[in-house]
């Protein structure tokens, strides 16, 4: 069994597209841990920082972080956990004008 390196930095890079015809927002995101790509979130529905929330859940489910899990199913928020554990967190999303640019 290989041991995973300690998580020192997390970067989530999202792209969001607004479907004007149906009024919905979609996104994709790439997750980097310690500067290395670990996962790509495929085309998904969501607005605001949903790309970050889904990335955070993926990181927790795959053992990169161990945030507190609340009794109703949610996790401790990313910035709070990272601040408490000395992990650098960067996230951003770019709006794109075409679906194919996701």
C-alpha atoms as a PDB file:
ATOM      1  CA  UNK A   1       0.000   0.000   0.000  1.00  0.00           C
ATOM      2  CA  UNK A   2       1.469   3.343  -1.017  1.00  0.00           C
ATOM      3  CA  UNK A   3       1.165   6.223   1.334  1.00  0.00           C
ATOM      4  CA  UNK A   4      -0.309   9.466   0.040  1.00  0.00           C
ATOM      5  CA  UNK A   5       1.741  12.650   0.483  1.00  0.00           C
ATOM      6  CA  UNK A   6       0.445  15.218   2.938  1.00  0.00           C
ATOM      7  CA  UNK A   7      -1.924  17.691   1.310  1.00  0.00           C
ATOM      8  CA  UNK A   8      -0.265  21.111   1.414  1.00  0.00           C
ATOM      9  CA  UNK A   9      -2.176  22.943  -1.318  1.00  0.00           C
ATOM     10  CA  UNK A  10      -5.486  22.565  -3.128  1.00  0.00           C
ATOM     11  CA  UNK A  11      -6.390  24.396  -6.325  1.00  0.00           C
ATOM     12  CA  UNK A  12      -9.777  24.126  -8.016  1.00  0.00           C
ATOM     13  CA  UNK A  13     -10.127  25.666 -11.475  1.00  0.00           C
ATOM     14  CA  UNK A  14     -13.688  25.883 -12.738  1.00  0.00           C
ATOM     15  CA  UNK A  15     -15.385  26.940 -15.939  1.00  0.00           C
ATOM     16  CA  UNK A  16     -19.040  27.966 -15.969  1.00  0.00           C
ATOM     17  CA  UNK A  17     -21.451  28.303 -18.857  1.00  0.00           C
ATOM     18  CA  UNK A  18     -24.946  29.823 -18.747  1.00  0.00           C
ATOM     19  CA  UNK A  19     -27.494  28.206 -21.054  1.00  0.00           C
ATOM     20  CA  UNK A  20     -29.615  31.228 -21.985  1.00  0.00           C
ATOM     21  CA  UNK A  21     -32.287  29.162 -23.728  1.00  0.00           C
ATOM     22  CA  UNK A  22     -33.143  27.070 -20.642  1.00  0.00           C
ATOM     23  CA  UNK A  23     -31.839  29.420 -17.952  1.00  0.00           C
ATOM     24  CA  UNK A  24     -29.448  26.925 -16.357  1.00  0.00           C
ATOM     25  CA  UNK A  25     -25.781  27.117 -15.383  1.00  0.00           C
ATOM     26  CA  UNK A  26     -23.314  24.263 -15.939  1.00  0.00           C
ATOM     27  CA  UNK A  27     -19.673  23.812 -15.046  1.00  0.00           C
ATOM     28  CA  UNK A  28     -16.574  21.642 -15.232  1.00  0.00           C
ATOM     29  CA  UNK A  29     -13.612  21.766 -12.868  1.00  0.00           C
ATOM     30  CA  UNK A  30     -10.073  20.493 -12.468  1.00  0.00           C
ATOM     31  CA  UNK A  31      -8.735  19.640  -9.004  1.00  0.00           C
ATOM     32  CA  UNK A  32      -5.025  19.942  -8.239  1.00  0.00           C
ATOM     33  CA  UNK A  33      -3.422  18.738  -5.008  1.00  0.00           C
ATOM     34  CA  UNK A  34       0.132  19.866  -4.319  1.00  0.00           C
ATOM     35  CA  UNK A  35       0.258  21.160  -7.903  1.00  0.00           C
ATOM     36  CA  UNK A  36      -0.696  17.825  -9.512  1.00  0.00           C
ATOM     37  CA  UNK A  37      -3.992  17.168 -11.283  1.00  0.00           C
ATOM     38  CA  UNK A  38      -5.947  14.498  -9.395  1.00  0.00           C
ATOM     39  CA  UNK A  39      -9.446  14.707 -10.880  1.00  0.00           C
ATOM     40  CA  UNK A  40     -11.630  16.432 -13.459  1.00  0.00           C
ATOM     41  CA  UNK A  41     -15.277  17.041 -12.655  1.00  0.00           C
ATOM     42  CA  UNK A  42     -17.233  16.452 -15.862  1.00  0.00           C
ATOM     43  CA  UNK A  43     -20.072  18.606 -17.253  1.00  0.00           C
ATOM     44  CA  UNK A  44     -22.413  19.194 -14.294  1.00  0.00           C
ATOM     45  CA  UNK A  45     -25.378  21.371 -13.354  1.00  0.00           C
ATOM     46  CA  UNK A  46     -24.814  24.036 -10.700  1.00  0.00           C
ATOM     47  CA  UNK A  47     -24.309  27.742 -10.132  1.00  0.00           C
ATOM     48  CA  UNK A  48     -22.251  29.943  -7.838  1.00  0.00           C
ATOM     49  CA  UNK A  49     -19.459  28.004  -6.130  1.00  0.00           C
ATOM     50  CA  UNK A  50     -21.035  24.584  -6.742  1.00  0.00           C
ATOM     51  CA  UNK A  51     -17.878  23.550  -8.600  1.00  0.00           C
ATOM     52  CA  UNK A  52     -15.902  24.117  -5.377  1.00  0.00           C
ATOM     53  CA  UNK A  53     -18.430  22.250  -3.233  1.00  0.00           C
ATOM     54  CA  UNK A  54     -18.372  19.211  -5.526  1.00  0.00           C
ATOM     55  CA  UNK A  55     -14.565  19.296  -5.672  1.00  0.00           C
ATOM     56  CA  UNK A  56     -14.413  19.458  -1.863  1.00  0.00           C
ATOM     57  CA  UNK A  57     -16.747  16.465  -1.535  1.00  0.00           C
ATOM     58  CA  UNK A  58     -14.636  14.513  -4.023  1.00  0.00           C
ATOM     59  CA  UNK A  59     -11.436  15.337  -2.107  1.00  0.00           C
ATOM     60  CA  UNK A  60     -13.039  14.213   1.163  1.00  0.00           C
ATOM     61  CA  UNK A  61     -14.508  11.025  -0.334  1.00  0.00           C
ATOM     62  CA  UNK A  62     -11.118  10.106  -1.817  1.00  0.00           C
ATOM     63  CA  UNK A  63      -9.043  10.717   1.320  1.00  0.00           C
ATOM     64  CA  UNK A  64      -7.154  13.865   0.321  1.00  0.00           C
ATOM     65  CA  UNK A  65      -8.748  15.751   3.230  1.00  0.00           C
ATOM     66  CA  UNK A  66     -10.604  14.651   6.336  1.00  0.00           C
ATOM     67  CA  UNK A  67     -13.108  17.407   7.174  1.00  0.00           C
ATOM     68  CA  UNK A  68     -15.709  16.995   9.860  1.00  0.00           C
ATOM     69  CA  UNK A  69     -18.861  15.380   8.467  1.00  0.00           C
ATOM     70  CA  UNK A  70     -22.063  16.815   9.863  1.00  0.00           C
ATOM     71  CA  UNK A  71     -24.933  14.595  10.944  1.00  0.00           C
ATOM     72  CA  UNK A  72     -27.119  15.762   8.041  1.00  0.00           C
ATOM     73  CA  UNK A  73     -24.475  14.716   5.528  1.00  0.00           C
ATOM     74  CA  UNK A  74     -22.549  17.892   4.689  1.00  0.00           C
ATOM     75  CA  UNK A  75     -18.859  18.546   5.269  1.00  0.00           C
ATOM     76  CA  UNK A  76     -17.025  21.311   7.094  1.00  0.00           C
ATOM     77  CA  UNK A  77     -16.411  24.093   4.560  1.00  0.00           C
ATOM     78  CA  UNK A  78     -13.201  24.057   2.551  1.00  0.00           C
ATOM     79  CA  UNK A  79     -11.706  27.392   3.630  1.00  0.00           C
ATOM     80  CA  UNK A  80     -12.262  26.671   7.319  1.00  0.00           C
ATOM     81  CA  UNK A  81     -10.708  23.205   7.165  1.00  0.00           C
ATOM     82  CA  UNK A  82      -7.747  24.428   5.099  1.00  0.00           C
ATOM     83  CA  UNK A  83      -7.094  27.379   7.406  1.00  0.00           C
ATOM     84  CA  UNK A  84      -7.170  25.104  10.456  1.00  0.00           C
ATOM     85  CA  UNK A  85      -4.812  22.564   8.865  1.00  0.00           C
ATOM     86  CA  UNK A  86      -2.325  24.921   7.191  1.00  0.00           C
ATOM     87  CA  UNK A  87      -3.385  24.009   3.655  1.00  0.00           C
ATOM     88  CA  UNK A  88      -3.234  26.672   0.939  1.00  0.00           C
ATOM     89  CA  UNK A  89      -6.573  26.843  -0.900  1.00  0.00           C
ATOM     90  CA  UNK A  90      -7.017  28.577  -4.265  1.00  0.00           C
ATOM     91  CA  UNK A  91     -10.164  28.424  -6.352  1.00  0.00           C
ATOM     92  CA  UNK A  92     -11.594  30.364  -9.242  1.00  0.00           C
ATOM     93  CA  UNK A  93     -14.062  29.989 -12.068  1.00  0.00           C
ATOM     94  CA  UNK A  94     -14.137  31.573 -15.471  1.00  0.00           C
ATOM     95  CA  UNK A  95     -17.392  32.207 -17.308  1.00  0.00           C
ATOM     96  CA  UNK A  96     -17.315  30.914 -20.871  1.00  0.00           C
ATOM     97  CA  UNK A  97     -19.723  31.904 -23.620  1.00  0.00           C
ATOM     98  CA  UNK A  98     -20.035  28.535 -25.354  1.00  0.00           C
ATOM     99  CA  UNK A  99     -20.829  25.065 -24.037  1.00  0.00           C
ATOM    100  CA  UNK A 100     -17.966  23.543 -25.988  1.00  0.00           C
ATOM    101  CA  UNK A 101     -15.501  25.768 -24.071  1.00  0.00           C
ATOM    102  CA  UNK A 102     -16.218  23.868 -20.854  1.00  0.00           C
END
